[in-house]
Full PDB file with SEQRES, HELIX, SHEET, SSBOND, CRYST1, ORIGX, SCALE, CONECT and MASTER records, all heavy atoms in Angstrom:
SEQRES   1 A   36  SER VAL CYS ALA GLU GLN GLN SER ASN PRO ILE THR TYR          
SEQRES   2 A   36  PRO PHE ALA SER PHE ASP GLY GLY VAL THR PHE THR GLU          
SEQRES   3 A   36  PRO LYS VAL GLY GLU ARG VAL ILE ASP PHE                      
SHEET    1 AA1 2 PHE A  15  ALA A  16  0                                        
SHEET    2 AA1 2 THR A  23  PHE A  24 -1                                        
SHEET    1 AA2 2 LYS A  28  VAL A  29  0                                        
SHEET    2 AA2 2 ARG A  32  VAL A  33 -1                                        
CRYST1    1.000    1.000    1.000  90.00  90.00  90.00 P 1           1          
ORIGX1      1.000000  0.000000  0.000000        0.00000                         
ORIGX2      0.000000  1.000000  0.000000        0.00000                         
ORIGX3      0.000000  0.000000  1.000000        0.00000                         
SCALE1      1.000000  0.000000  0.000000        0.00000                         
SCALE2      0.000000  1.000000  0.000000        0.00000                         
SCALE3      0.000000  0.000000  1.000000        0.00000                         
ATOM      1  N   SER A   1     -16.598 -40.031 -49.723  1.00  0.00           N  
ATOM      2  CA  SER A   1     -16.167 -41.386 -49.637  1.00  0.00           C  
ATOM      3  C   SER A   1     -16.490 -42.182 -50.941  1.00  0.00           C  
ATOM      4  O   SER A   1     -17.572 -41.998 -51.533  1.00  0.00           O  
ATOM      5  CB  SER A   1     -16.827 -42.075 -48.463  1.00  0.00           C  
ATOM      6  OG  SER A   1     -16.509 -43.508 -48.509  1.00  0.00           O  
ATOM      7  N   VAL A   2     -15.573 -42.966 -51.378  1.00  0.00           N  
ATOM      8  CA  VAL A   2     -15.786 -43.777 -52.625  1.00  0.00           C  
ATOM      9  C   VAL A   2     -16.257 -45.156 -52.190  1.00  0.00           C  
ATOM     10  O   VAL A   2     -16.327 -46.041 -53.103  1.00  0.00           O  
ATOM     11  CB  VAL A   2     -14.424 -43.865 -53.434  1.00  0.00           C  
ATOM     12  CG1 VAL A   2     -14.011 -42.454 -53.884  1.00  0.00           C  
ATOM     13  CG2 VAL A   2     -13.352 -44.493 -52.591  1.00  0.00           C  
ATOM     14  N   CYS A   3     -16.548 -45.397 -50.956  1.00  0.00           N  
ATOM     15  CA  CYS A   3     -16.850 -46.730 -50.452  1.00  0.00           C  
ATOM     16  C   CYS A   3     -18.352 -46.900 -50.227  1.00  0.00           C  
ATOM     17  O   CYS A   3     -19.023 -45.946 -49.647  1.00  0.00           O  
ATOM     18  CB  CYS A   3     -16.116 -47.004 -49.183  1.00  0.00           C  
ATOM     19  SG  CYS A   3     -14.325 -46.886 -49.314  1.00  0.00           S  
ATOM     20  N   ALA A   4     -18.871 -48.036 -50.633  1.00  0.00           N  
ATOM     21  CA  ALA A   4     -20.300 -48.315 -50.395  1.00  0.00           C  
ATOM     22  C   ALA A   4     -20.590 -48.811 -48.970  1.00  0.00           C  
ATOM     23  O   ALA A   4     -21.647 -48.588 -48.424  1.00  0.00           O  
ATOM     24  CB  ALA A   4     -20.770 -49.380 -51.335  1.00  0.00           C  
ATOM     25  N   GLU A   5     -19.546 -49.521 -48.371  1.00  0.00           N  
ATOM     26  CA  GLU A   5     -19.727 -50.117 -47.039  1.00  0.00           C  
ATOM     27  C   GLU A   5     -19.055 -49.193 -45.974  1.00  0.00           C  
ATOM     28  O   GLU A   5     -18.045 -48.483 -46.310  1.00  0.00           O  
ATOM     29  CB  GLU A   5     -19.135 -51.538 -46.953  1.00  0.00           C  
ATOM     30  CG  GLU A   5     -19.892 -52.447 -47.790  1.00  0.00           C  
ATOM     31  CD  GLU A   5     -19.356 -53.889 -47.699  1.00  0.00           C  
ATOM     32  OE1 GLU A   5     -18.251 -54.131 -48.335  1.00  0.00           O  
ATOM     33  OE2 GLU A   5     -20.032 -54.675 -47.049  1.00  0.00           O  
ATOM     34  N   GLN A   6     -19.520 -49.216 -44.746  1.00  0.00           N  
ATOM     35  CA  GLN A   6     -18.928 -48.458 -43.737  1.00  0.00           C  
ATOM     36  C   GLN A   6     -17.495 -48.866 -43.514  1.00  0.00           C  
ATOM     37  O   GLN A   6     -17.189 -50.098 -43.422  1.00  0.00           O  
ATOM     38  CB  GLN A   6     -19.749 -48.513 -42.424  1.00  0.00           C  
ATOM     39  CG  GLN A   6     -19.259 -47.686 -41.245  1.00  0.00           C  
ATOM     40  CD  GLN A   6     -20.217 -47.671 -40.112  1.00  0.00           C  
ATOM     41  OE1 GLN A   6     -21.263 -48.262 -40.196  1.00  0.00           O  
ATOM     42  NE2 GLN A   6     -19.786 -47.086 -39.003  1.00  0.00           N  
ATOM     43  N   GLN A   7     -16.595 -47.874 -43.280  1.00  0.00           N  
ATOM     44  CA  GLN A   7     -15.173 -48.134 -43.139  1.00  0.00           C  
ATOM     45  C   GLN A   7     -14.712 -47.936 -41.727  1.00  0.00           C  
ATOM     46  O   GLN A   7     -15.397 -47.255 -40.941  1.00  0.00           O  
ATOM     47  CB  GLN A   7     -14.395 -47.279 -44.092  1.00  0.00           C  
ATOM     48  CG  GLN A   7     -14.704 -47.444 -45.555  1.00  0.00           C  
ATOM     49  CD  GLN A   7     -14.237 -48.765 -46.089  1.00  0.00           C  
ATOM     50  OE1 GLN A   7     -13.028 -49.017 -46.215  1.00  0.00           O  
ATOM     51  NE2 GLN A   7     -15.123 -49.612 -46.428  1.00  0.00           N  
ATOM     52  N   SER A   8     -13.631 -48.560 -41.321  1.00  0.00           N  
ATOM     53  CA  SER A   8     -13.086 -48.469 -40.008  1.00  0.00           C  
ATOM     54  C   SER A   8     -11.487 -48.261 -40.105  1.00  0.00           C  
ATOM     55  O   SER A   8     -10.980 -48.306 -41.094  1.00  0.00           O  
ATOM     56  CB  SER A   8     -13.392 -49.674 -39.169  1.00  0.00           C  
ATOM     57  OG  SER A   8     -12.829 -50.894 -39.789  1.00  0.00           O  
ATOM     58  N   ASN A   9     -10.938 -48.042 -38.924  1.00  0.00           N  
ATOM     59  CA  ASN A   9      -9.480 -47.875 -38.786  1.00  0.00           C  
ATOM     60  C   ASN A   9      -8.968 -46.745 -39.625  1.00  0.00           C  
ATOM     61  O   ASN A   9      -8.013 -46.917 -40.453  1.00  0.00           O  
ATOM     62  CB  ASN A   9      -8.795 -49.180 -39.193  1.00  0.00           C  
ATOM     63  CG  ASN A   9      -9.213 -50.326 -38.289  1.00  0.00           C  
ATOM     64  OD1 ASN A   9      -9.314 -50.159 -37.125  1.00  0.00           O  
ATOM     65  ND2 ASN A   9      -9.450 -51.472 -38.922  1.00  0.00           N  
ATOM     66  N   PRO A  10      -9.367 -45.492 -39.416  1.00  0.00           N  
ATOM     67  CA  PRO A  10      -8.890 -44.310 -40.069  1.00  0.00           C  
ATOM     68  C   PRO A  10      -7.463 -44.009 -39.709  1.00  0.00           C  
ATOM     69  O   PRO A  10      -6.973 -44.544 -38.610  1.00  0.00           O  
ATOM     70  CB  PRO A  10      -9.844 -43.233 -39.697  1.00  0.00           C  
ATOM     71  CG  PRO A  10     -10.271 -43.566 -38.354  1.00  0.00           C  
ATOM     72  CD  PRO A  10     -10.464 -45.094 -38.394  1.00  0.00           C  
ATOM     73  N   ILE A  11      -6.767 -43.200 -40.458  1.00  0.00           N  
ATOM     74  CA  ILE A  11      -5.338 -42.747 -40.132  1.00  0.00           C  
ATOM     75  C   ILE A  11      -5.511 -41.879 -38.844  1.00  0.00           C  
ATOM     76  O   ILE A  11      -6.379 -41.010 -38.748  1.00  0.00           O  
ATOM     77  CB  ILE A  11      -4.827 -41.947 -41.278  1.00  0.00           C  
ATOM     78  CG1 ILE A  11      -4.574 -42.784 -42.513  1.00  0.00           C  
ATOM     79  CG2 ILE A  11      -3.557 -41.211 -40.864  1.00  0.00           C  
ATOM     80  CD1 ILE A  11      -3.389 -43.665 -42.394  1.00  0.00           C  
ATOM     81  N   THR A  12      -4.575 -42.052 -37.961  1.00  0.00           N  
ATOM     82  CA  THR A  12      -4.364 -41.183 -36.866  1.00  0.00           C  
ATOM     83  C   THR A  12      -2.933 -40.807 -36.762  1.00  0.00           C  
ATOM     84  O   THR A  12      -2.039 -41.497 -37.331  1.00  0.00           O  
ATOM     85  CB  THR A  12      -4.807 -41.883 -35.492  1.00  0.00           C  
ATOM     86  OG1 THR A  12      -4.077 -43.035 -35.310  1.00  0.00           O  
ATOM     87  CG2 THR A  12      -6.253 -42.103 -35.494  1.00  0.00           C  
ATOM     88  N   TYR A  13      -2.620 -39.758 -36.015  1.00  0.00           N  
ATOM     89  CA  TYR A  13      -1.223 -39.239 -35.984  1.00  0.00           C  
ATOM     90  C   TYR A  13      -0.648 -39.215 -34.545  1.00  0.00           C  
ATOM     91  O   TYR A  13      -1.466 -39.102 -33.632  1.00  0.00           O  
ATOM     92  CB  TYR A  13      -1.128 -37.843 -36.573  1.00  0.00           C  
ATOM     93  CG  TYR A  13      -1.479 -37.822 -37.983  1.00  0.00           C  
ATOM     94  CD1 TYR A  13      -2.850 -37.593 -38.430  1.00  0.00           C  
ATOM     95  CD2 TYR A  13      -0.466 -37.969 -39.005  1.00  0.00           C  
ATOM     96  CE1 TYR A  13      -3.134 -37.611 -39.808  1.00  0.00           C  
ATOM     97  CE2 TYR A  13      -0.862 -37.950 -40.367  1.00  0.00           C  
ATOM     98  CZ  TYR A  13      -2.168 -37.787 -40.735  1.00  0.00           C  
ATOM     99  OH  TYR A  13      -2.516 -37.784 -42.137  1.00  0.00           O  
ATOM    100  N   PRO A  14       0.697 -39.301 -34.405  1.00  0.00           N  
ATOM    101  CA  PRO A  14       1.653 -39.542 -35.453  1.00  0.00           C  
ATOM    102  C   PRO A  14       1.753 -41.027 -35.821  1.00  0.00           C  
ATOM    103  O   PRO A  14       1.209 -41.915 -35.133  1.00  0.00           O  
ATOM    104  CB  PRO A  14       2.957 -39.158 -34.757  1.00  0.00           C  
ATOM    105  CG  PRO A  14       2.709 -39.464 -33.311  1.00  0.00           C  
ATOM    106  CD  PRO A  14       1.262 -39.135 -33.094  1.00  0.00           C  
ATOM    107  N   PHE A  15       2.350 -41.295 -36.955  1.00  0.00           N  
ATOM    108  CA  PHE A  15       2.632 -42.693 -37.332  1.00  0.00           C  
ATOM    109  C   PHE A  15       3.997 -42.767 -37.965  1.00  0.00           C  
ATOM    110  O   PHE A  15       4.563 -41.757 -38.406  1.00  0.00           O  
ATOM    111  CB  PHE A  15       1.548 -43.261 -38.299  1.00  0.00           C  
ATOM    112  CG  PHE A  15       1.499 -42.620 -39.708  1.00  0.00           C  
ATOM    113  CD1 PHE A  15       2.368 -43.052 -40.664  1.00  0.00           C  
ATOM    114  CD2 PHE A  15       0.639 -41.631 -39.956  1.00  0.00           C  
ATOM    115  CE1 PHE A  15       2.389 -42.551 -41.947  1.00  0.00           C  
ATOM    116  CE2 PHE A  15       0.571 -41.102 -41.253  1.00  0.00           C  
ATOM    117  CZ  PHE A  15       1.444 -41.533 -42.242  1.00  0.00           C  
ATOM    118  N   ALA A  16       4.575 -43.915 -37.989  1.00  0.00           N  
ATOM    119  CA  ALA A  16       5.947 -44.097 -38.429  1.00  0.00           C  
ATOM    120  C   ALA A  16       5.932 -44.666 -39.876  1.00  0.00           C  
ATOM    121  O   ALA A  16       5.001 -45.343 -40.329  1.00  0.00           O  
ATOM    122  CB  ALA A  16       6.715 -45.136 -37.582  1.00  0.00           C  
ATOM    123  N   SER A  17       6.972 -44.354 -40.621  1.00  0.00           N  
ATOM    124  CA  SER A  17       7.169 -44.830 -42.013  1.00  0.00           C  
ATOM    125  C   SER A  17       7.346 -46.381 -41.964  1.00  0.00           C  
ATOM    126  O   SER A  17       7.616 -46.956 -40.909  1.00  0.00           O  
ATOM    127  CB  SER A  17       8.404 -44.177 -42.625  1.00  0.00           C  
ATOM    128  OG  SER A  17       9.586 -44.422 -41.899  1.00  0.00           O  
ATOM    129  N   PHE A  18       7.295 -46.996 -43.115  1.00  0.00           N  
ATOM    130  CA  PHE A  18       7.455 -48.422 -43.261  1.00  0.00           C  
ATOM    131  C   PHE A  18       8.750 -48.875 -42.660  1.00  0.00           C  
ATOM    132  O   PHE A  18       8.865 -49.892 -42.052  1.00  0.00           O  
ATOM    133  CB  PHE A  18       7.353 -48.786 -44.744  1.00  0.00           C  
ATOM    134  CG  PHE A  18       7.604 -50.304 -45.010  1.00  0.00           C  
ATOM    135  CD1 PHE A  18       6.627 -51.206 -44.910  1.00  0.00           C  
ATOM    136  CD2 PHE A  18       8.830 -50.717 -45.405  1.00  0.00           C  
ATOM    137  CE1 PHE A  18       6.846 -52.530 -45.221  1.00  0.00           C  
ATOM    138  CE2 PHE A  18       9.144 -52.040 -45.645  1.00  0.00           C  
ATOM    139  CZ  PHE A  18       8.113 -52.985 -45.590  1.00  0.00           C  
ATOM    140  N   ASP A  19       9.849 -48.094 -42.821  1.00  0.00           N  
ATOM    141  CA  ASP A  19      11.159 -48.507 -42.331  1.00  0.00           C  
ATOM    142  C   ASP A  19      11.401 -48.054 -40.938  1.00  0.00           C  
ATOM    143  O   ASP A  19      12.431 -48.364 -40.304  1.00  0.00           O  
ATOM    144  CB  ASP A  19      12.291 -48.046 -43.239  1.00  0.00           C  
ATOM    145  CG  ASP A  19      12.401 -46.458 -43.349  1.00  0.00           C  
ATOM    146  OD1 ASP A  19      11.712 -45.764 -42.511  1.00  0.00           O  
ATOM    147  OD2 ASP A  19      13.026 -45.961 -44.212  1.00  0.00           O  
ATOM    148  N   GLY A  20      10.463 -47.282 -40.366  1.00  0.00           N  
ATOM    149  CA  GLY A  20      10.520 -46.897 -38.966  1.00  0.00           C  
ATOM    150  C   GLY A  20      11.419 -45.657 -38.712  1.00  0.00           C  
ATOM    151  O   GLY A  20      11.457 -45.221 -37.547  1.00  0.00           O  
ATOM    152  N   GLY A  21      12.018 -45.118 -39.729  1.00  0.00           N  
ATOM    153  CA  GLY A  21      12.981 -44.005 -39.466  1.00  0.00           C  
ATOM    154  C   GLY A  21      12.355 -42.649 -39.495  1.00  0.00           C  
ATOM    155  O   GLY A  21      13.008 -41.686 -39.000  1.00  0.00           O  
ATOM    156  N   VAL A  22      11.122 -42.505 -39.982  1.00  0.00           N  
ATOM    157  CA  VAL A  22      10.547 -41.118 -40.124  1.00  0.00           C  
ATOM    158  C   VAL A  22       9.186 -41.175 -39.405  1.00  0.00           C  
ATOM    159  O   VAL A  22       8.454 -42.138 -39.550  1.00  0.00           O  
ATOM    160  CB  VAL A  22      10.304 -40.791 -41.565  1.00  0.00           C  
ATOM    161  CG1 VAL A  22       9.661 -39.442 -41.710  1.00  0.00           C  
ATOM    162  CG2 VAL A  22      11.676 -40.724 -42.345  1.00  0.00           C  
ATOM    163  N   THR A  23       8.853 -40.124 -38.722  1.00  0.00           N  
ATOM    164  CA  THR A  23       7.580 -39.958 -38.050  1.00  0.00           C  
ATOM    165  C   THR A  23       6.703 -38.864 -38.806  1.00  0.00           C  
ATOM    166  O   THR A  23       7.280 -37.750 -38.998  1.00  0.00           O  
ATOM    167  CB  THR A  23       7.770 -39.633 -36.588  1.00  0.00           C  
ATOM    168  OG1 THR A  23       8.442 -40.666 -35.892  1.00  0.00           O  
ATOM    169  CG2 THR A  23       6.338 -39.420 -35.923  1.00  0.00           C  
ATOM    170  N   PHE A  24       5.541 -39.218 -39.132  1.00  0.00           N  
ATOM    171  CA  PHE A  24       4.686 -38.256 -39.849  1.00  0.00           C  
ATOM    172  C   PHE A  24       3.564 -37.633 -38.952  1.00  0.00           C  
ATOM    173  O   PHE A  24       2.992 -38.430 -38.133  1.00  0.00           O  
ATOM    174  CB  PHE A  24       4.013 -38.945 -41.046  1.00  0.00           C  
ATOM    175  CG  PHE A  24       5.024 -39.389 -42.135  1.00  0.00           C  
ATOM    176  CD1 PHE A  24       5.501 -40.657 -42.123  1.00  0.00           C  
ATOM    177  CD2 PHE A  24       5.389 -38.506 -43.058  1.00  0.00           C  
ATOM    178  CE1 PHE A  24       6.396 -41.072 -43.054  1.00  0.00           C  
ATOM    179  CE2 PHE A  24       6.391 -38.840 -43.998  1.00  0.00           C  
ATOM    180  CZ  PHE A  24       6.898 -40.142 -44.090  1.00  0.00           C  
ATOM    181  N   THR A  25       3.407 -36.366 -39.124  1.00  0.00           N  
ATOM    182  CA  THR A  25       2.313 -35.638 -38.395  1.00  0.00           C  
ATOM    183  C   THR A  25       1.259 -35.116 -39.446  1.00  0.00           C  
ATOM    184  O   THR A  25       1.519 -35.316 -40.671  1.00  0.00           O  
ATOM    185  CB  THR A  25       2.877 -34.452 -37.572  1.00  0.00           C  
ATOM    186  OG1 THR A  25       3.677 -33.644 -38.511  1.00  0.00           O  
ATOM    187  CG2 THR A  25       3.739 -34.995 -36.462  1.00  0.00           C  
ATOM    188  N   GLU A  26       0.244 -34.609 -38.989  1.00  0.00           N  
ATOM    189  CA  GLU A  26      -0.825 -34.140 -39.908  1.00  0.00           C  
ATOM    190  C   GLU A  26      -0.288 -33.265 -40.997  1.00  0.00           C  
ATOM    191  O   GLU A  26       0.370 -32.281 -40.777  1.00  0.00           O  
ATOM    192  CB  GLU A  26      -1.912 -33.298 -39.198  1.00  0.00           C  
ATOM    193  CG  GLU A  26      -2.950 -34.154 -38.383  1.00  0.00           C  
ATOM    194  CD  GLU A  26      -4.082 -33.239 -37.896  1.00  0.00           C  
ATOM    195  OE1 GLU A  26      -3.761 -32.169 -37.327  1.00  0.00           O  
ATOM    196  OE2 GLU A  26      -5.242 -33.588 -38.076  1.00  0.00           O  
ATOM    197  N   PRO A  27      -0.606 -33.588 -42.240  1.00  0.00           N  
ATOM    198  CA  PRO A  27      -0.090 -32.790 -43.376  1.00  0.00           C  
ATOM    199  C   PRO A  27      -0.879 -31.479 -43.583  1.00  0.00           C  
ATOM    200  O   PRO A  27      -2.076 -31.490 -43.522  1.00  0.00           O  
ATOM    201  CB  PRO A  27      -0.320 -33.686 -44.581  1.00  0.00           C  
ATOM    202  CG  PRO A  27      -1.433 -34.568 -44.222  1.00  0.00           C  
ATOM    203  CD  PRO A  27      -1.371 -34.821 -42.739  1.00  0.00           C  
ATOM    204  N   LYS A  28      -0.094 -30.455 -43.777  1.00  0.00           N  
ATOM    205  CA  LYS A  28      -0.679 -29.094 -43.968  1.00  0.00           C  
ATOM    206  C   LYS A  28      -0.229 -28.550 -45.321  1.00  0.00           C  
ATOM    207  O   LYS A  28       0.828 -28.848 -45.831  1.00  0.00           O  
ATOM    208  CB  LYS A  28      -0.212 -28.170 -42.848  1.00  0.00           C  
ATOM    209  CG  LYS A  28      -0.523 -28.601 -41.433  1.00  0.00           C  
ATOM    210  CD  LYS A  28       0.013 -27.568 -40.406  1.00  0.00           C  
ATOM    211  CE  LYS A  28      -0.141 -28.053 -39.019  1.00  0.00           C  
ATOM    212  NZ  LYS A  28       0.768 -29.184 -38.766  1.00  0.00           N  
ATOM    213  N   VAL A  29      -1.109 -27.768 -45.948  1.00  0.00           N  
ATOM    214  CA  VAL A  29      -0.701 -26.927 -47.090  1.00  0.00           C  
ATOM    215  C   VAL A  29      -1.051 -25.469 -46.697  1.00  0.00           C  
ATOM    216  O   VAL A  29      -2.218 -25.141 -46.740  1.00  0.00           O  
ATOM    217  CB  VAL A  29      -1.378 -27.344 -48.323  1.00  0.00           C  
ATOM    218  CG1 VAL A  29      -0.822 -28.697 -48.849  1.00  0.00           C  
ATOM    219  CG2 VAL A  29      -2.895 -27.552 -48.192  1.00  0.00           C  
ATOM    220  N   GLY A  30       0.035 -24.733 -46.303  1.00  0.00           N  
ATOM    221  CA  GLY A  30      -0.292 -23.412 -45.794  1.00  0.00           C  
ATOM    222  C   GLY A  30      -1.114 -23.492 -44.593  1.00  0.00           C  
ATOM    223  O   GLY A  30      -0.798 -24.115 -43.575  1.00  0.00           O  
ATOM    224  N   GLU A  31      -2.282 -22.816 -44.574  1.00  0.00           N  
ATOM    225  CA  GLU A  31      -3.101 -22.734 -43.433  1.00  0.00           C  
ATOM    226  C   GLU A  31      -4.115 -23.886 -43.358  1.00  0.00           C  
ATOM    227  O   GLU A  31      -4.875 -24.076 -42.382  1.00  0.00           O  
ATOM    228  CB  GLU A  31      -3.958 -21.448 -43.485  1.00  0.00           C  
ATOM    229  CG  GLU A  31      -3.106 -20.195 -43.403  1.00  0.00           C  
ATOM    230  CD  GLU A  31      -3.856 -18.905 -43.688  1.00  0.00           C  
ATOM    231  OE1 GLU A  31      -5.106 -19.001 -43.862  1.00  0.00           O  
ATOM    232  OE2 GLU A  31      -3.243 -17.813 -43.718  1.00  0.00           O  
ATOM    233  N   ARG A  32      -4.123 -24.718 -44.390  1.00  0.00           N  
ATOM    234  CA  ARG A  32      -5.153 -25.837 -44.488  1.00  0.00           C  
ATOM    235  C   ARG A  32      -4.473 -27.196 -43.953  1.00  0.00           C  
ATOM    236  O   ARG A  32      -3.436 -27.527 -44.461  1.00  0.00           O  
ATOM    237  CB  ARG A  32      -5.608 -25.959 -45.913  1.00  0.00           C  
ATOM    238  CG  ARG A  32      -6.507 -27.196 -46.188  1.00  0.00           C  
ATOM    239  CD  ARG A  32      -6.896 -27.176 -47.656  1.00  0.00           C  
ATOM    240  NE  ARG A  32      -7.266 -28.524 -48.140  1.00  0.00           N  
ATOM    241  CZ  ARG A  32      -7.244 -28.921 -49.342  1.00  0.00           C  
ATOM    242  NH1 ARG A  32      -6.795 -28.064 -50.283  1.00  0.00           N  
ATOM    243  NH2 ARG A  32      -7.620 -30.153 -49.712  1.00  0.00           N  
ATOM    244  N   VAL A  33      -5.275 -27.810 -43.089  1.00  0.00           N  
ATOM    245  CA  VAL A  33      -4.828 -29.195 -42.778  1.00  0.00           C  
ATOM    246  C   VAL A  33      -5.642 -30.124 -43.655  1.00  0.00           C  
ATOM    247  O   VAL A  33      -6.842 -29.994 -43.776  1.00  0.00           O  
ATOM    248  CB  VAL A  33      -5.167 -29.475 -41.259  1.00  0.00           C  
ATOM    249  CG1 VAL A  33      -4.875 -30.935 -40.946  1.00  0.00           C  
ATOM    250  CG2 VAL A  33      -4.415 -28.527 -40.379  1.00  0.00           C  
ATOM    251  N   ILE A  34      -4.938 -31.079 -44.283  1.00  0.00           N  
ATOM    252  CA  ILE A  34      -5.556 -32.053 -45.161  1.00  0.00           C  
ATOM    253  C   ILE A  34      -5.911 -33.328 -44.445  1.00  0.00           C  
ATOM    254  O   ILE A  34      -4.909 -33.880 -43.814  1.00  0.00           O  
ATOM    255  CB  ILE A  34      -4.695 -32.323 -46.436  1.00  0.00           C  
ATOM    256  CG1 ILE A  34      -4.578 -31.027 -47.227  1.00  0.00           C  
ATOM    257  CG2 ILE A  34      -5.421 -33.380 -47.246  1.00  0.00           C  
ATOM    258  CD1 ILE A  34      -3.796 -31.205 -48.513  1.00  0.00           C  
ATOM    259  N   ASP A  35      -7.085 -33.780 -44.468  1.00  0.00           N  
ATOM    260  CA  ASP A  35      -7.416 -35.029 -43.757  1.00  0.00           C  
ATOM    261  C   ASP A  35      -7.533 -36.081 -44.813  1.00  0.00           C  
ATOM    262  O   ASP A  35      -8.469 -36.165 -45.596  1.00  0.00           O  
ATOM    263  CB  ASP A  35      -8.852 -34.775 -43.091  1.00  0.00           C  
ATOM    264  CG  ASP A  35      -9.222 -36.023 -42.269  1.00  0.00           C  
ATOM    265  OD1 ASP A  35      -8.622 -37.137 -42.371  1.00  0.00           O  
ATOM    266  OD2 ASP A  35     -10.258 -35.947 -41.583  1.00  0.00           O  
ATOM    267  N   PHE A  36      -6.512 -36.968 -44.795  1.00  0.00           N  
ATOM    268  CA  PHE A  36      -6.468 -38.090 -45.749  1.00  0.00           C  
ATOM    269  C   PHE A  36      -7.767 -38.964 -45.672  1.00  0.00           C  
ATOM    270  O   PHE A  36      -8.175 -39.461 -46.689  1.00  0.00           O  
ATOM    271  CB  PHE A  36      -5.243 -38.948 -45.455  1.00  0.00           C  
ATOM    272  CG  PHE A  36      -5.150 -40.133 -46.313  1.00  0.00           C  
ATOM    273  CD1 PHE A  36      -4.629 -40.070 -47.636  1.00  0.00           C  
ATOM    274  CD2 PHE A  36      -5.653 -41.371 -45.990  1.00  0.00           C  
ATOM    275  CE1 PHE A  36      -4.537 -41.192 -48.445  1.00  0.00           C  
ATOM    276  CE2 PHE A  36      -5.599 -42.516 -46.811  1.00  0.00           C  
ATOM    277  CZ  PHE A  36      -5.001 -42.385 -48.064  1.00  0.00           C  
TER     278      PHE A  36                                                      
MASTER        0    0    0    0    4    0    0    6  277    1    0    3          
END                                                                             
């Protein structure tokens, strides 16, 4: 973490794009799931 203070409201899935047309799920690279 780059933050000095405790953070809240992490990303959860699924979520919608700004325009609402696309739904995003957990991003993977091959066998690895990346946690934003």
